[in-house]
Every structure is written in C-alpha cells, then in structure tokens.
C-alpha atoms as a PDB file:
ATOM      1  CA  MET A   1      -0.841  -2.290   8.582  1.00  0.00           C
ATOM      2  CA  TYR A   2       1.742  -0.883   8.056  1.00  0.00           C
ATOM      3  CA  THR A   3       2.428   3.204   7.571  1.00  0.00           C
ATOM      4  CA  VAL A   4       4.427   4.339   4.765  1.00  0.00           C
ATOM      5  CA  LYS A   5       5.853   8.002   5.338  1.00  0.00           C
ATOM      6  CA  PRO A   6       7.690   9.688   2.295  1.00  0.00           C
ATOM      7  CA  TYR A   7      11.278  11.706   2.934  1.00  0.00           C
ATOM      8  CA  PRO A   8      10.580  14.796   1.460  1.00  0.00           C
ATOM      9  CA  GLU A   9      12.935  14.515  -1.327  1.00  0.00           C
ATOM     10  CA  ALA A  10      10.749  11.976  -2.139  1.00  0.00           C
ATOM     11  CA  GLU A  11       7.317  13.580  -2.053  1.00  0.00           C
ATOM     12  CA  ALA A  12       8.536  16.030  -3.849  1.00  0.00           C
ATOM     13  CA  ALA A  13       9.152  13.288  -6.759  1.00  0.00           C
ATOM     14  CA  ILE A  14       5.534  12.088  -6.092  1.00  0.00           C
ATOM     15  CA  ALA A  15       3.965  15.041  -6.415  1.00  0.00           C
ATOM     16  CA  ALA A  16       5.683  15.711 -10.185  1.00  0.00           C
ATOM     17  CA  LEU A  17       5.463  12.154 -11.521  1.00  0.00           C
ATOM     18  CA  ALA A  18       2.299  12.457 -14.138  1.00  0.00           C
ATOM     19  CA  GLU A  19      -1.260  10.727 -13.617  1.00  0.00           C
ATOM     20  CA  ALA A  20      -0.695   6.928 -14.754  1.00  0.00           C
ATOM     21  CA  ALA A  21       2.801   7.242 -12.894  1.00  0.00           C
ATOM     22  CA  ARG A  22       0.933   8.330  -9.253  1.00  0.00           C
ATOM     23  CA  ASN A  23      -1.811   5.253 -10.952  1.00  0.00           C
ATOM     24  CA  GLY A  24       1.528   3.252 -10.068  1.00  0.00           C
ATOM     25  CA  TYR A  25       2.958   4.509  -7.125  1.00  0.00           C
ATOM     26  CA  ASP A  26      -0.447   4.191  -5.621  1.00  0.00           C
ATOM     27  CA  ASP A  27      -0.926   0.301  -6.023  1.00  0.00           C
ATOM     28  CA  ALA A  28       3.395   0.379  -4.933  1.00  0.00           C
ATOM     29  CA  VAL A  29       1.574   1.977  -1.525  1.00  0.00           C
ATOM     30  CA  LYS A  30      -0.633  -0.607  -0.969  1.00  0.00           C
ATOM     31  CA  VAL A  31       2.233  -3.339  -1.064  1.00  0.00           C
ATOM     32  CA  MET A  32       4.306  -1.399   0.689  1.00  0.00           C
ATOM     33  CA  GLN A  33       0.990  -0.699   3.415  1.00  0.00           C
ATOM     34  CA  LEU A  34       0.242  -4.676   3.472  1.00  0.00           C
ATOM     35  CA  VAL A  35       3.924  -6.906   2.133  1.00  0.00           C
ATOM     36  CA  PRO A  36       6.501  -4.280   2.603  1.00  0.00           C
ATOM     37  CA  TRP A  37       8.848  -7.405   2.573  1.00  0.00           C
ATOM     38  CA  ASN A  38       7.644  -8.474  -0.434  1.00  0.00           C
ATOM     39  CA  GLY A  39       9.901  -6.182  -1.809  1.00  0.00           C
ATOM     40  CA  GLN A  40      13.555  -6.660  -3.712  1.00  0.00           C
ATOM     41  CA  PRO A  41      16.428  -6.523  -0.938  1.00  0.00           C
ATOM     42  CA  TYR A  42      18.223  -3.230  -1.666  1.00  0.00           C
ATOM     43  CA  VAL A  43      21.486  -4.920  -1.756  1.00  0.00           C
ATOM     44  CA  ALA A  44      21.513  -8.505  -2.805  1.00  0.00           C
ATOM     45  CA  SER A  45      23.679  -9.937  -0.978  1.00  0.00           C
ATOM     46  CA  LYS A  46      21.366  -9.039   1.820  1.00  0.00           C
ATOM     47  CA  PRO A  47      18.310 -10.824   1.599  1.00  0.00           C
ATOM     48  CA  ASP A  48      16.897 -10.545   4.409  1.00  0.00           C
ATOM     49  CA  GLY A  49      17.704  -6.475   4.420  1.00  0.00           C
ATOM     50  CA  SER A  50      15.009  -4.216   5.809  1.00  0.00           C
ATOM     51  CA  MET A  51      16.197  -1.817   2.812  1.00  0.00           C
ATOM     52  CA  ARG A  52      13.350  -2.931  -0.152  1.00  0.00           C
ATOM     53  CA  GLN A  53      12.757  -1.100  -3.945  1.00  0.00           C
ATOM     54  CA  LEU A  54       9.478  -2.154  -5.471  1.00  0.00           C
ATOM     55  CA  ILE A  55       9.131  -1.559  -9.779  1.00  0.00           C
ATOM     56  CA  PHE A  56       5.836   0.393 -10.589  1.00  0.00           C
ATOM     57  CA  GLY A  57       3.815   1.691 -13.550  1.00  0.00           C
ATOM     58  CA  PRO A  58       3.780   1.876 -16.776  1.00  0.00           C
ATOM     59  CA  GLY A  59       5.901  -0.864 -18.372  1.00  0.00           C
ATOM     60  CA  GLY A  60       8.083  -0.874 -15.073  1.00  0.00           C
ATOM     61  CA  ALA A  61       9.518   3.265 -15.804  1.00  0.00           C
ATOM     62  CA  GLY A  62       9.242   3.515 -11.534  1.00  0.00           C
ATOM     63  CA  LEU A  63      11.247   2.192  -9.029  1.00  0.00           C
ATOM     64  CA  VAL A  64      10.770   3.944  -5.214  1.00  0.00           C
ATOM     65  CA  THR A  65      13.319   2.358  -2.507  1.00  0.00           C
ATOM     66  CA  TYR A  66      11.999   2.128   0.890  1.00  0.00           C
ATOM     67  CA  LEU A  67      13.311   1.017   3.783  1.00  0.00           C
ATOM     68  CA  ILE A  68      10.966  -1.137   6.404  1.00  0.00           C
ATOM     69  CA  LEU A  69      11.004  -0.257  10.194  1.00  0.00           C
ATOM     70  CA  GLU A  70       9.241  -3.507  11.558  1.00  0.00           C
ATOM     71  CA  ASP A  71       9.104  -2.495  15.182  1.00  0.00           C
ATOM     72  CA  GLN A  72       7.608   1.038  14.261  1.00  0.00           C
ATOM     73  CA  GLN A  73       5.470  -0.642  11.566  1.00  0.00           C
ATOM     74  CA  ARG A  74       6.607   1.413   9.853  1.00  0.00           C
ATOM     75  CA  VAL A  75       8.170   2.427   5.973  1.00  0.00           C
ATOM     76  CA  ASP A  76       9.462   5.254   4.742  1.00  0.00           C
ATOM     77  CA  VAL A  77       9.681   5.758   1.560  1.00  0.00           C
ATOM     78  CA  LEU A  78      13.400   7.020   0.613  1.00  0.00           C
ATOM     79  CA  GLN A  79      13.849   7.688  -3.439  1.00  0.00           C
ATOM     80  CA  VAL A  80      11.104   7.744  -6.370  1.00  0.00           C
ATOM     81  CA  ALA A  81      12.530   7.469  -9.623  1.00  0.00           C
ATOM     82  CA  TRP A  82      10.610   8.098 -12.750  1.00  0.00           C
ATOM     83  CA  ALA A  83      12.303   6.658 -16.094  1.00  0.00           C
ATOM     84  CA  GLY A  84       9.153   6.824 -18.016  1.00  0.00           C
ATOM     85  CA  GLU A  85       7.279   9.954 -20.609  1.00  0.00           C
END
C-alpha cells in the first residue's frame, strides 16, 4: 500500500471541496493507495511516467494530479482541481 501525501496547495483545494466532490476525492485516494499506476499519464508521450492524473467526483468534474515515488511507496498529490458546482 502506498502512502498518499498532498502538497500544501493541494490540501487547500481538498479542504474547499463540497461534500459530494470530497467523497469522489476520497475514492481517488483509495485508488492512489492501492494501484496508483492506474491513473492516466500526465504526459501522453511518456506512458510510463510517474506523474499521473485521475478524474474523480460527480460527472467527472474533478482532476487530481500526482507523482508516484515508487522507491518510497509514496504518492505526492500535486494539484486538485474541481470544475463542478
């Protein structure tokens, strides 16, 4: 299992999420803890890159960008964006 650690900027965005969005983010955290490589590559031309993205929340209105640190079994959440209401 990977440890998920949000950067301070991401923590602020997570704290501002509405409840429905937060539930979706919590589901995304579960994916990052268990199978972080299932996220889409951040750079399409680098499909094996350790920087990844997951869509989350109602209507897929959220996007979490993260970095996998395989040697430490850690995922750093870099950015959380929410385009929903």
